[in-house]
C-alpha atoms as a PDB file:
ATOM      1  CA  MET A   1     -83.841 -69.050 161.436  1.00  0.00           C
ATOM      2  CA  PRO A   2     -81.511 -66.035 161.131  1.00  0.00           C
ATOM      3  CA  GLY A   3     -81.818 -63.658 164.072  1.00  0.00           C
ATOM      4  CA  ALA A   4     -84.459 -65.802 165.783  1.00  0.00           C
ATOM      5  CA  TRP A   5     -84.616 -66.193 169.529  1.00  0.00           C
ATOM      6  CA  LEU A   6     -86.875 -67.997 171.973  1.00  0.00           C
ATOM      7  CA  ASP A   7     -89.069 -66.308 174.565  1.00  0.00           C
ATOM      8  CA  TYR A   8     -91.856 -67.354 176.952  1.00  0.00           C
ATOM      9  CA  PRO A   9     -93.910 -64.141 177.354  1.00  0.00           C
ATOM     10  CA  PHE A  10     -97.116 -66.111 177.968  1.00  0.00           C
ATOM     11  CA  GLY A  11     -95.572 -68.430 180.555  1.00  0.00           C
ATOM     12  CA  GLU A  12     -94.399 -72.005 180.433  1.00  0.00           C
ATOM     13  CA  GLY A  13     -95.848 -74.182 177.728  1.00  0.00           C
ATOM     14  CA  THR A  14     -95.992 -71.605 174.929  1.00  0.00           C
ATOM     15  CA  ALA A  15     -92.671 -71.183 173.148  1.00  0.00           C
ATOM     16  CA  VAL A  16     -92.579 -67.942 171.157  1.00  0.00           C
ATOM     17  CA  TYR A  17     -89.966 -67.469 168.462  1.00  0.00           C
ATOM     18  CA  LYS A  18     -89.163 -63.851 167.665  1.00  0.00           C
ATOM     19  CA  VAL A  19     -86.895 -61.676 165.588  1.00  0.00           C
ATOM     20  CA  GLY A  20     -85.629 -58.212 166.466  1.00  0.00           C
ATOM     21  CA  HIS A  21     -84.879 -56.687 169.840  1.00  0.00           C
ATOM     22  CA  LYS A  22     -86.750 -53.713 171.268  1.00  0.00           C
ATOM     23  CA  ASP A  23     -83.607 -52.541 173.083  1.00  0.00           C
ATOM     24  CA  ILE A  24     -81.826 -51.987 169.727  1.00  0.00           C
ATOM     25  CA  PRO A  25     -82.705 -48.659 168.084  1.00  0.00           C
ATOM     26  CA  GLY A  26     -84.891 -49.091 164.998  1.00  0.00           C
ATOM     27  CA  GLN A  27     -85.902 -52.654 165.836  1.00  0.00           C
ATOM     28  CA  GLU A  28     -89.046 -54.189 167.237  1.00  0.00           C
ATOM     29  CA  GLU A  29     -89.592 -57.639 168.651  1.00  0.00           C
ATOM     30  CA  LYS A  30     -91.874 -59.554 166.307  1.00  0.00           C
ATOM     31  CA  MET A  31     -93.277 -63.015 166.798  1.00  0.00           C
ATOM     32  CA  PHE A  32     -93.180 -65.422 163.879  1.00  0.00           C
ATOM     33  CA  ALA A  33     -93.937 -68.773 165.519  1.00  0.00           C
ATOM     34  CA  LEU A  34     -95.734 -69.942 168.632  1.00  0.00           C
ATOM     35  CA  VAL A  35     -95.466 -73.563 169.717  1.00  0.00           C
ATOM     36  CA  ALA A  36     -97.891 -75.114 172.188  1.00  0.00           C
ATOM     37  CA  GLU A  37     -95.365 -77.343 173.905  1.00  0.00           C
ATOM     38  CA  GLY A  38     -96.720 -80.706 174.956  1.00  0.00           C
ATOM     39  CA  SER A  39     -99.845 -80.457 172.800  1.00  0.00           C
ATOM     40  CA  GLN A  40    -100.920 -83.642 171.046  1.00  0.00           C
ATOM     41  CA  PRO A  41    -100.730 -83.263 168.147  1.00  0.00           C
ATOM     42  CA  LEU A  42     -98.178 -80.482 168.326  1.00  0.00           C
ATOM     43  CA  ARG A  43     -99.766 -77.084 167.544  1.00  0.00           C
ATOM     44  CA  VAL A  44     -97.707 -74.389 165.778  1.00  0.00           C
ATOM     45  CA  SER A  45     -99.050 -70.909 164.998  1.00  0.00           C
ATOM     46  CA  LEU A  46     -97.418 -68.994 162.155  1.00  0.00           C
ATOM     47  CA  LYS A  47     -97.781 -65.660 160.392  1.00  0.00           C
ATOM     48  CA  CYS A  48     -99.090 -66.229 156.866  1.00  0.00           C
ATOM     49  CA  ASP A  49    -100.121 -64.365 153.742  1.00  0.00           C
ATOM     50  CA  PRO A  50    -103.917 -63.917 154.012  1.00  0.00           C
ATOM     51  CA  LEU A  51    -104.696 -65.513 150.631  1.00  0.00           C
ATOM     52  CA  LEU A  52    -102.417 -68.471 151.287  1.00  0.00           C
ATOM     53  CA  ALA A  53    -103.887 -68.850 154.785  1.00  0.00           C
ATOM     54  CA  GLN A  54    -107.403 -69.036 153.356  1.00  0.00           C
ATOM     55  CA  THR A  55    -106.362 -71.592 150.726  1.00  0.00           C
ATOM     56  CA  LEU A  56    -104.602 -73.775 153.305  1.00  0.00           C
ATOM     57  CA  ARG A  57    -107.572 -73.675 155.690  1.00  0.00           C
ATOM     58  CA  GLU A  58    -109.904 -74.712 152.864  1.00  0.00           C
ATOM     59  CA  ARG A  59    -107.610 -77.534 151.740  1.00  0.00           C
ATOM     60  CA  TYR A  60    -106.449 -79.006 155.071  1.00  0.00           C
ATOM     61  CA  GLU A  61    -108.368 -79.783 158.257  1.00  0.00           C
ATOM     62  CA  SER A  62    -105.091 -79.495 160.148  1.00  0.00           C
ATOM     63  CA  VAL A  63    -104.680 -75.813 159.197  1.00  0.00           C
ATOM     64  CA  GLN A  64    -106.914 -73.606 161.307  1.00  0.00           C
ATOM     65  CA  PRO A  65    -107.277 -69.880 161.978  1.00  0.00           C
ATOM     66  CA  GLY A  66    -104.582 -68.609 164.336  1.00  0.00           C
ATOM     67  CA  TYR A  67    -105.361 -69.656 167.899  1.00  0.00           C
ATOM     68  CA  HIS A  68    -105.787 -66.433 169.956  1.00  0.00           C
ATOM     69  CA  LEU A  69    -104.240 -64.460 167.070  1.00  0.00           C
ATOM     70  CA  ASN A  70    -105.394 -62.327 164.140  1.00  0.00           C
ATOM     71  CA  LYS A  71    -107.373 -64.866 162.103  1.00  0.00           C
ATOM     72  CA  LYS A  72    -106.581 -63.132 158.796  1.00  0.00           C
ATOM     73  CA  HIS A  73    -102.790 -63.102 159.171  1.00  0.00           C
ATOM     74  CA  TRP A  74    -102.104 -66.160 161.325  1.00  0.00           C
ATOM     75  CA  ILE A  75    -102.678 -69.896 160.981  1.00  0.00           C
ATOM     76  CA  THR A  76    -102.380 -72.691 163.492  1.00  0.00           C
ATOM     77  CA  VAL A  77    -101.041 -75.949 162.076  1.00  0.00           C
ATOM     78  CA  LEU A  78    -101.857 -79.184 163.856  1.00  0.00           C
ATOM     79  CA  CYS A  79     -98.831 -81.377 163.161  1.00  0.00           C
ATOM     80  CA  SER A  80    -100.869 -84.524 162.603  1.00  0.00           C
ATOM     81  CA  GLY A  81     -99.137 -85.660 159.415  1.00  0.00           C
ATOM     82  CA  GLN A  82    -101.637 -84.131 157.009  1.00  0.00           C
ATOM     83  CA  LEU A  83     -98.959 -81.588 156.039  1.00  0.00           C
ATOM     84  CA  GLY A  84     -95.481 -83.012 155.512  1.00  0.00           C
ATOM     85  CA  ASP A  85     -92.450 -81.851 157.480  1.00  0.00           C
ATOM     86  CA  ASP A  86     -91.109 -79.955 154.460  1.00  0.00           C
ATOM     87  CA  GLU A  87     -94.423 -78.114 154.023  1.00  0.00           C
ATOM     88  CA  VAL A  88     -94.444 -77.083 157.686  1.00  0.00           C
ATOM     89  CA  LYS A  89     -90.808 -75.948 157.434  1.00  0.00           C
ATOM     90  CA  ASP A  90     -91.708 -73.881 154.355  1.00  0.00           C
ATOM     91  CA  LEU A  91     -94.508 -72.211 156.327  1.00  0.00           C
ATOM     92  CA  VAL A  92     -92.072 -71.442 159.167  1.00  0.00           C
ATOM     93  CA  ARG A  93     -89.651 -69.865 156.667  1.00  0.00           C
ATOM     94  CA  LEU A  94     -92.487 -67.818 155.153  1.00  0.00           C
ATOM     95  CA  SER A  95     -93.587 -66.631 158.593  1.00  0.00           C
ATOM     96  CA  HIS A  96     -90.018 -65.589 159.407  1.00  0.00           C
ATOM     97  CA  GLN A  97     -89.741 -63.712 156.098  1.00  0.00           C
ATOM     98  CA  LEU A  98     -93.040 -61.903 156.646  1.00  0.00           C
ATOM     99  CA  VAL A  99     -92.024 -60.492 160.024  1.00  0.00           C
ATOM    100  CA  SER A 100     -88.389 -59.836 159.060  1.00  0.00           C
ATOM    101  CA  LYS A 101     -89.191 -57.450 156.201  1.00  0.00           C
END
């Protein structure tokens, strides 16, 4: 994703993808994806529009409220195959767009 970079602010095992840099005037670091490395199935937390998040949670067992995040604005996707790769990629793009505004 444009301008994205990887960080491990919570220690090994939780990959955090961010945009922005706090050392650049006018920018903030903002998370848009958290990946629980080594989880089975893989767990990815993403920023999401609240209405879309609610719809996805109602429709798919594999979409849950954001793990240790604001439950209204974040979802955690269990990559178990219930959502296709393209759907997960679309959610990653949406998350990136939401924090990059």
